[in-house]
Amino acid sequence: YYVAGQDIMVRKDDTSIKSVTDLNGKKVCS
């Protein structure tokens, strides 16, 4: 009934993560 897409949320002042590959070496929660 709906189609979403996985994305990323970061702190507002963090500009280091622009795509999923930038998560390498980062602590990521789900």
PDB file of all heavy atoms in Angstrom:
ATOM      1  N   TYR A   1       0.824  -1.204   0.000  1.00  0.00           N
ATOM      2  CA  TYR A   1       0.000   0.000   0.000  1.00  0.00           C
ATOM      3  C   TYR A   1       0.862   1.259   0.000  1.00  0.00           C
ATOM      4  O   TYR A   1       0.333   2.375  -0.097  1.00  0.00           O
ATOM      5  CB  TYR A   1      -0.953   0.016   1.204  1.00  0.00           C
ATOM      6  CG  TYR A   1      -0.253  -0.016   2.548  1.00  0.00           C
ATOM      7  CD1 TYR A   1       0.152   1.157   3.179  1.00  0.00           C
ATOM      8  CD2 TYR A   1       0.001  -1.218   3.191  1.00  0.00           C
ATOM      9  CE1 TYR A   1       0.807   1.135   4.395  1.00  0.00           C
ATOM     10  CE2 TYR A   1       0.655  -1.249   4.421  1.00  0.00           C
ATOM     11  CZ  TYR A   1       1.058  -0.084   5.016  1.00  0.00           C
ATOM     12  OH  TYR A   1       1.719  -0.122   6.224  1.00  0.00           O
ATOM     13  N   TYR A   2       2.182   1.083   0.081  1.00  0.00           N
ATOM     14  CA  TYR A   2       3.095   2.227   0.031  1.00  0.00           C
ATOM     15  C   TYR A   2       4.494   1.697  -0.268  1.00  0.00           C
ATOM     16  O   TYR A   2       4.840   0.574   0.129  1.00  0.00           O
ATOM     17  CB  TYR A   2       3.111   2.977   1.370  1.00  0.00           C
ATOM     18  CG  TYR A   2       3.988   4.219   1.347  1.00  0.00           C
ATOM     19  CD1 TYR A   2       3.587   5.351   0.650  1.00  0.00           C
ATOM     20  CD2 TYR A   2       5.216   4.238   1.980  1.00  0.00           C
ATOM     21  CE1 TYR A   2       4.400   6.469   0.594  1.00  0.00           C
ATOM     22  CE2 TYR A   2       6.031   5.363   1.935  1.00  0.00           C
ATOM     23  CZ  TYR A   2       5.621   6.475   1.239  1.00  0.00           C
ATOM     24  OH  TYR A   2       6.425   7.586   1.175  1.00  0.00           O
ATOM     25  N   VAL A   3       5.299   2.478  -0.977  1.00  0.00           N
ATOM     26  CA  VAL A   3       6.689   2.105  -1.256  1.00  0.00           C
ATOM     27  C   VAL A   3       7.610   3.213  -0.757  1.00  0.00           C
ATOM     28  O   VAL A   3       7.508   4.364  -1.199  1.00  0.00           O
ATOM     29  CB  VAL A   3       6.926   1.845  -2.754  1.00  0.00           C
ATOM     30  CG1 VAL A   3       8.400   1.517  -3.004  1.00  0.00           C
ATOM     31  CG2 VAL A   3       6.044   0.694  -3.242  1.00  0.00           C
ATOM     32  N   ALA A   4       8.469   2.853   0.188  1.00  0.00           N
ATOM     33  CA  ALA A   4       9.455   3.786   0.748  1.00  0.00           C
ATOM     34  C   ALA A   4      10.833   3.449   0.179  1.00  0.00           C
ATOM     35  O   ALA A   4      10.981   2.570  -0.677  1.00  0.00           O
ATOM     36  CB  ALA A   4       9.458   3.688   2.268  1.00  0.00           C
ATOM     37  N   GLY A   5      11.860   4.172   0.648  1.00  0.00           N
ATOM     38  CA  GLY A   5      13.239   3.890   0.270  1.00  0.00           C
ATOM     39  C   GLY A   5      14.139   4.133   1.463  1.00  0.00           C
ATOM     40  O   GLY A   5      13.943   5.099   2.205  1.00  0.00           O
ATOM     41  N   GLN A   6      15.097   3.259   1.700  1.00  0.00           N
ATOM     42  CA  GLN A   6      15.971   3.416   2.864  1.00  0.00           C
ATOM     43  C   GLN A   6      16.892   4.617   2.686  1.00  0.00           C
ATOM     44  O   GLN A   6      17.476   4.833   1.628  1.00  0.00           O
ATOM     45  CB  GLN A   6      16.794   2.153   3.093  1.00  0.00           C
ATOM     46  CG  GLN A   6      17.592   2.197   4.402  1.00  0.00           C
ATOM     47  CD  GLN A   6      18.247   0.876   4.733  1.00  0.00           C
ATOM     48  OE1 GLN A   6      17.835  -0.166   4.233  1.00  0.00           O
ATOM     49  NE2 GLN A   6      19.267   0.905   5.576  1.00  0.00           N
ATOM     50  N   ASP A   7      17.010   5.405   3.759  1.00  0.00           N
ATOM     51  CA  ASP A   7      17.838   6.606   3.736  1.00  0.00           C
ATOM     52  C   ASP A   7      18.617   6.685   5.046  1.00  0.00           C
ATOM     53  O   ASP A   7      18.647   5.711   5.827  1.00  0.00           O
ATOM     54  CB  ASP A   7      16.948   7.839   3.527  1.00  0.00           C
ATOM     55  CG  ASP A   7      17.668   8.981   2.815  1.00  0.00           C
ATOM     56  OD1 ASP A   7      18.890   9.122   2.984  1.00  0.00           O
ATOM     57  OD2 ASP A   7      16.990   9.742   2.101  1.00  0.00           O
ATOM     58  N   ILE A   8      19.211   7.821   5.312  1.00  0.00           N
ATOM     59  CA  ILE A   8      20.097   8.000   6.464  1.00  0.00           C
ATOM     60  C   ILE A   8      19.738   9.297   7.173  1.00  0.00           C
ATOM     61  O   ILE A   8      19.492  10.323   6.521  1.00  0.00           O
ATOM     62  CB  ILE A   8      21.583   8.072   6.008  1.00  0.00           C
ATOM     63  CG1 ILE A   8      21.959   6.827   5.190  1.00  0.00           C
ATOM     64  CG2 ILE A   8      22.517   8.225   7.205  1.00  0.00           C
ATOM     65  CD1 ILE A   8      23.175   7.044   4.303  1.00  0.00           C
ATOM     66  N   MET A   9      19.712   9.258   8.499  1.00  0.00           N
ATOM     67  CA  MET A   9      19.531  10.462   9.313  1.00  0.00           C
ATOM     68  C   MET A   9      20.800  10.710  10.104  1.00  0.00           C
ATOM     69  O   MET A   9      21.380   9.773  10.678  1.00  0.00           O
ATOM     70  CB  MET A   9      18.333  10.293  10.256  1.00  0.00           C
ATOM     71  CG  MET A   9      18.012  11.543  11.069  1.00  0.00           C
ATOM     72  SD  MET A   9      16.473  11.345  12.035  1.00  0.00           S
ATOM     73  CE  MET A   9      17.057  10.301  13.388  1.00  0.00           C
ATOM     74  N   VAL A  10      21.239  11.962  10.138  1.00  0.00           N
ATOM     75  CA  VAL A  10      22.448  12.347  10.865  1.00  0.00           C
ATOM     76  C   VAL A  10      22.146  13.567  11.720  1.00  0.00           C
ATOM     77  O   VAL A  10      21.079  14.177  11.601  1.00  0.00           O
ATOM     78  CB  VAL A  10      23.610  12.662   9.889  1.00  0.00           C
ATOM     79  CG1 VAL A  10      24.010  11.428   9.095  1.00  0.00           C
ATOM     80  CG2 VAL A  10      23.243  13.814   8.950  1.00  0.00           C
ATOM     81  N   ARG A  11      23.100  13.908  12.577  1.00  0.00           N
ATOM     82  CA  ARG A  11      22.933  15.154  13.332  1.00  0.00           C
ATOM     83  C   ARG A  11      22.981  16.330  12.364  1.00  0.00           C
ATOM     84  O   ARG A  11      23.654  16.288  11.331  1.00  0.00           O
ATOM     85  CB  ARG A  11      24.020  15.268  14.402  1.00  0.00           C
ATOM     86  CG  ARG A  11      23.825  14.288  15.557  1.00  0.00           C
ATOM     87  CD  ARG A  11      24.795  14.555  16.705  1.00  0.00           C
ATOM     88  NE  ARG A  11      26.175  14.308  16.317  1.00  0.00           N
ATOM     89  CZ  ARG A  11      26.749  13.103  16.360  1.00  0.00           C
ATOM     90  NH1 ARG A  11      26.059  12.041  16.748  1.00  0.00           N
ATOM     91  NH2 ARG A  11      28.007  12.958  16.008  1.00  0.00           N
ATOM     92  N   LYS A  12      22.290  17.374  12.703  1.00  0.00           N
ATOM     93  CA  LYS A  12      22.076  18.480  11.774  1.00  0.00           C
ATOM     94  C   LYS A  12      23.385  19.126  11.319  1.00  0.00           C
ATOM     95  O   LYS A  12      23.509  19.589  10.176  1.00  0.00           O
ATOM     96  CB  LYS A  12      21.179  19.531  12.418  1.00  0.00           C
ATOM     97  CG  LYS A  12      20.646  20.560  11.440  1.00  0.00           C
ATOM     98  CD  LYS A  12      19.547  21.402  12.049  1.00  0.00           C
ATOM     99  CE  LYS A  12      18.938  22.341  11.014  1.00  0.00           C
ATOM    100  NZ  LYS A  12      17.824  23.136  11.572  1.00  0.00           N
ATOM    101  N   ASP A  13      24.412  19.144  12.172  1.00  0.00           N
ATOM    102  CA  ASP A  13      25.676  19.800  11.834  1.00  0.00           C
ATOM    103  C   ASP A  13      26.690  18.858  11.185  1.00  0.00           C
ATOM    104  O   ASP A  13      27.821  19.254  10.907  1.00  0.00           O
ATOM    105  CB  ASP A  13      26.289  20.443  13.079  1.00  0.00           C
ATOM    106  CG  ASP A  13      26.580  19.430  14.186  1.00  0.00           C
ATOM    107  OD1 ASP A  13      26.194  18.247  14.043  1.00  0.00           O
ATOM    108  OD2 ASP A  13      27.164  19.828  15.217  1.00  0.00           O
ATOM    109  N   ASP A  14      26.303  17.599  10.923  1.00  0.00           N
ATOM    110  CA  ASP A  14      27.216  16.619  10.341  1.00  0.00           C
ATOM    111  C   ASP A  14      27.089  16.650   8.825  1.00  0.00           C
ATOM    112  O   ASP A  14      26.043  16.321   8.272  1.00  0.00           O
ATOM    113  CB  ASP A  14      26.883  15.221  10.874  1.00  0.00           C
ATOM    114  CG  ASP A  14      27.883  14.167  10.405  1.00  0.00           C
ATOM    115  OD1 ASP A  14      28.690  14.453   9.493  1.00  0.00           O
ATOM    116  OD2 ASP A  14      27.828  13.043  10.946  1.00  0.00           O
ATOM    117  N   THR A  15      28.177  17.031   8.156  1.00  0.00           N
ATOM    118  CA  THR A  15      28.181  17.071   6.688  1.00  0.00           C
ATOM    119  C   THR A  15      29.077  15.989   6.089  1.00  0.00           C
ATOM    120  O   THR A  15      29.311  15.975   4.874  1.00  0.00           O
ATOM    121  CB  THR A  15      28.656  18.444   6.195  1.00  0.00           C
ATOM    122  OG1 THR A  15      29.991  18.698   6.691  1.00  0.00           O
ATOM    123  CG2 THR A  15      27.728  19.551   6.660  1.00  0.00           C
ATOM    124  N   SER A  16      29.540  15.067   6.913  1.00  0.00           N
ATOM    125  CA  SER A  16      30.485  14.049   6.435  1.00  0.00           C
ATOM    126  C   SER A  16      29.798  12.881   5.737  1.00  0.00           C
ATOM    127  O   SER A  16      30.450  12.108   5.032  1.00  0.00           O
ATOM    128  CB  SER A  16      31.320  13.512   7.603  1.00  0.00           C
ATOM    129  OG  SER A  16      30.502  12.778   8.524  1.00  0.00           O
ATOM    130  N   ILE A  17      28.484  12.729   5.925  1.00  0.00           N
ATOM    131  CA  ILE A  17      27.768  11.585   5.355  1.00  0.00           C
ATOM    132  C   ILE A  17      26.819  12.091   4.274  1.00  0.00           C
ATOM    133  O   ILE A  17      25.860  12.807   4.543  1.00  0.00           O
ATOM    134  CB  ILE A  17      26.991  10.824   6.447  1.00  0.00           C
ATOM    135  CG1 ILE A  17      27.973  10.267   7.497  1.00  0.00           C
ATOM    136  CG2 ILE A  17      26.168   9.693   5.838  1.00  0.00           C
ATOM    137  CD1 ILE A  17      27.304   9.660   8.710  1.00  0.00           C
ATOM    138  N   LYS A  18      27.118  11.701   3.047  1.00  0.00           N
ATOM    139  CA  LYS A  18      26.312  12.146   1.903  1.00  0.00           C
ATOM    140  C   LYS A  18      25.643  10.987   1.175  1.00  0.00           C
ATOM    141  O   LYS A  18      24.729  11.202   0.364  1.00  0.00           O
ATOM    142  CB  LYS A  18      27.174  12.930   0.923  1.00  0.00           C
ATOM    143  CG  LYS A  18      27.786  14.204   1.519  1.00  0.00           C
ATOM    144  CD  LYS A  18      28.654  14.907   0.502  1.00  0.00           C
ATOM    145  CE  LYS A  18      29.196  16.231   1.040  1.00  0.00           C
ATOM    146  NZ  LYS A  18      30.096  16.031   2.209  1.00  0.00           N
ATOM    147  N   SER A  19      26.088   9.760   1.433  1.00  0.00           N
ATOM    148  CA  SER A  19      25.521   8.577   0.782  1.00  0.00           C
ATOM    149  C   SER A  19      25.804   7.366   1.650  1.00  0.00           C
ATOM    150  O   SER A  19      26.542   7.440   2.646  1.00  0.00           O
ATOM    151  CB  SER A  19      26.127   8.377  -0.611  1.00  0.00           C
ATOM    152  OG  SER A  19      27.484   7.981  -0.497  1.00  0.00           O
ATOM    153  N   VAL A  20      25.266   6.227   1.269  1.00  0.00           N
ATOM    154  CA  VAL A  20      25.413   5.012   2.075  1.00  0.00           C
ATOM    155  C   VAL A  20      26.876   4.581   2.194  1.00  0.00           C
ATOM    156  O   VAL A  20      27.288   4.055   3.231  1.00  0.00           O
ATOM    157  CB  VAL A  20      24.542   3.872   1.499  1.00  0.00           C
ATOM    158  CG1 VAL A  20      24.963   3.478   0.093  1.00  0.00           C
ATOM    159  CG2 VAL A  20      24.561   2.661   2.424  1.00  0.00           C
ATOM    160  N   THR A  21      27.695   4.802   1.167  1.00  0.00           N
ATOM    161  CA  THR A  21      29.095   4.382   1.252  1.00  0.00           C
ATOM    162  C   THR A  21      29.879   5.180   2.288  1.00  0.00           C
ATOM    163  O   THR A  21      30.900   4.704   2.799  1.00  0.00           O
ATOM    164  CB  THR A  21      29.785   4.501  -0.128  1.00  0.00           C
ATOM    165  OG1 THR A  21      29.655   5.843  -0.608  1.00  0.00           O
ATOM    166  CG2 THR A  21      29.157   3.535  -1.121  1.00  0.00           C
ATOM    167  N   ASP A  22      29.396   6.373   2.630  1.00  0.00           N
ATOM    168  CA  ASP A  22      30.050   7.177   3.660  1.00  0.00           C
ATOM    169  C   ASP A  22      29.841   6.603   5.058  1.00  0.00           C
ATOM    170  O   ASP A  22      30.431   7.106   6.024  1.00  0.00           O
ATOM    171  CB  ASP A  22      29.538   8.615   3.628  1.00  0.00           C
ATOM    172  CG  ASP A  22      29.938   9.347   2.362  1.00  0.00           C
ATOM    173  OD1 ASP A  22      31.008   9.035   1.809  1.00  0.00           O
ATOM    174  OD2 ASP A  22      29.169  10.222   1.927  1.00  0.00           O
ATOM    175  N   LEU A  23      29.005   5.566   5.176  1.00  0.00           N
ATOM    176  CA  LEU A  23      28.798   4.935   6.480  1.00  0.00           C
ATOM    177  C   LEU A  23      29.940   3.993   6.853  1.00  0.00           C
ATOM    178  O   LEU A  23      30.012   3.535   8.005  1.00  0.00           O
ATOM    179  CB  LEU A  23      27.470   4.162   6.486  1.00  0.00           C
ATOM    180  CG  LEU A  23      26.219   5.026   6.293  1.00  0.00           C
ATOM    181  CD1 LEU A  23      24.976   4.148   6.273  1.00  0.00           C
ATOM    182  CD2 LEU A  23      26.103   6.088   7.391  1.00  0.00           C
ATOM    183  N   ASN A  24      30.802   3.667   5.923  1.00  0.00           N
ATOM    184  CA  ASN A  24      31.978   2.855   6.246  1.00  0.00           C
ATOM    185  C   ASN A  24      32.805   3.529   7.335  1.00  0.00           C
ATOM    186  O   ASN A  24      33.123   4.722   7.236  1.00  0.00           O
ATOM    187  CB  ASN A  24      32.848   2.647   4.995  1.00  0.00           C
ATOM    188  CG  ASN A  24      32.286   1.602   4.062  1.00  0.00           C
ATOM    189  OD1 ASN A  24      31.991   0.485   4.476  1.00  0.00           O
ATOM    190  ND2 ASN A  24      32.131   1.956   2.795  1.00  0.00           N
ATOM    191  N   GLY A  25      33.114   2.765   8.388  1.00  0.00           N
ATOM    192  CA  GLY A  25      33.883   3.301   9.502  1.00  0.00           C
ATOM    193  C   GLY A  25      33.066   4.086  10.506  1.00  0.00           C
ATOM    194  O   GLY A  25      33.608   4.559  11.520  1.00  0.00           O
ATOM    195  N   LYS A  26      31.765   4.232  10.277  1.00  0.00           N
ATOM    196  CA  LYS A  26      30.895   4.996  11.177  1.00  0.00           C
ATOM    197  C   LYS A  26      30.016   4.039  12.000  1.00  0.00           C
ATOM    198  O   LYS A  26      29.686   2.942  11.560  1.00  0.00           O
ATOM    199  CB  LYS A  26      29.989   5.944  10.376  1.00  0.00           C
ATOM    200  CG  LYS A  26      30.753   6.899   9.451  1.00  0.00           C
ATOM    201  CD  LYS A  26      31.438   7.996  10.207  1.00  0.00           C
ATOM    202  CE  LYS A  26      32.258   8.897   9.302  1.00  0.00           C
ATOM    203  NZ  LYS A  26      31.503   9.534   8.239  1.00  0.00           N
ATOM    204  N   LYS A  27      29.626   4.496  13.183  1.00  0.00           N
ATOM    205  CA  LYS A  27      28.666   3.747  14.010  1.00  0.00           C
ATOM    206  C   LYS A  27      27.258   4.090  13.543  1.00  0.00           C
ATOM    207  O   LYS A  27      26.869   5.259  13.553  1.00  0.00           O
ATOM    208  CB  LYS A  27      28.843   4.093  15.481  1.00  0.00           C
ATOM    209  CG  LYS A  27      30.146   3.574  16.081  1.00  0.00           C
ATOM    210  CD  LYS A  27      30.230   3.870  17.572  1.00  0.00           C
ATOM    211  CE  LYS A  27      31.512   3.287  18.164  1.00  0.00           C
ATOM    212  NZ  LYS A  27      31.619   3.554  19.628  1.00  0.00           N
ATOM    213  N   VAL A  28      26.525   3.074  13.134  1.00  0.00           N
ATOM    214  CA  VAL A  28      25.213   3.260  12.520  1.00  0.00           C
ATOM    215  C   VAL A  28      24.182   2.446  13.295  1.00  0.00           C
ATOM    216  O   VAL A  28      24.404   1.276  13.596  1.00  0.00           O
ATOM    217  CB  VAL A  28      25.224   2.807  11.049  1.00  0.00           C
ATOM    218  CG1 VAL A  28      23.872   3.067  10.408  1.00  0.00           C
ATOM    219  CG2 VAL A  28      26.341   3.504  10.278  1.00  0.00           C
ATOM    220  N   CYS A  29      23.065   3.058  13.595  1.00  0.00           N
ATOM    221  CA  CYS A  29      22.017   2.394  14.371  1.00  0.00           C
ATOM    222  C   CYS A  29      20.789   2.109  13.518  1.00  0.00           C
ATOM    223  O   CYS A  29      20.410   2.901  12.657  1.00  0.00           O
ATOM    224  CB  CYS A  29      21.604   3.278  15.552  1.00  0.00           C
ATOM    225  SG  CYS A  29      20.455   2.483  16.713  1.00  0.00           S
ATOM    226  N   SER A  30      20.175   0.950  13.758  1.00  0.00           N
ATOM    227  CA  SER A  30      18.851   0.656  13.237  1.00  0.00           C
ATOM    228  C   SER A  30      18.187  -0.307  14.214  1.00  0.00           C
ATOM    229  O   SER A  30      18.762  -0.633  15.255  1.00  0.00           O
ATOM    230  CB  SER A  30      18.920   0.055  11.829  1.00  0.00           C
ATOM    231  OG  SER A  30      17.625   0.079  11.241  1.00  0.00           O
TER     232      SER A  30
END
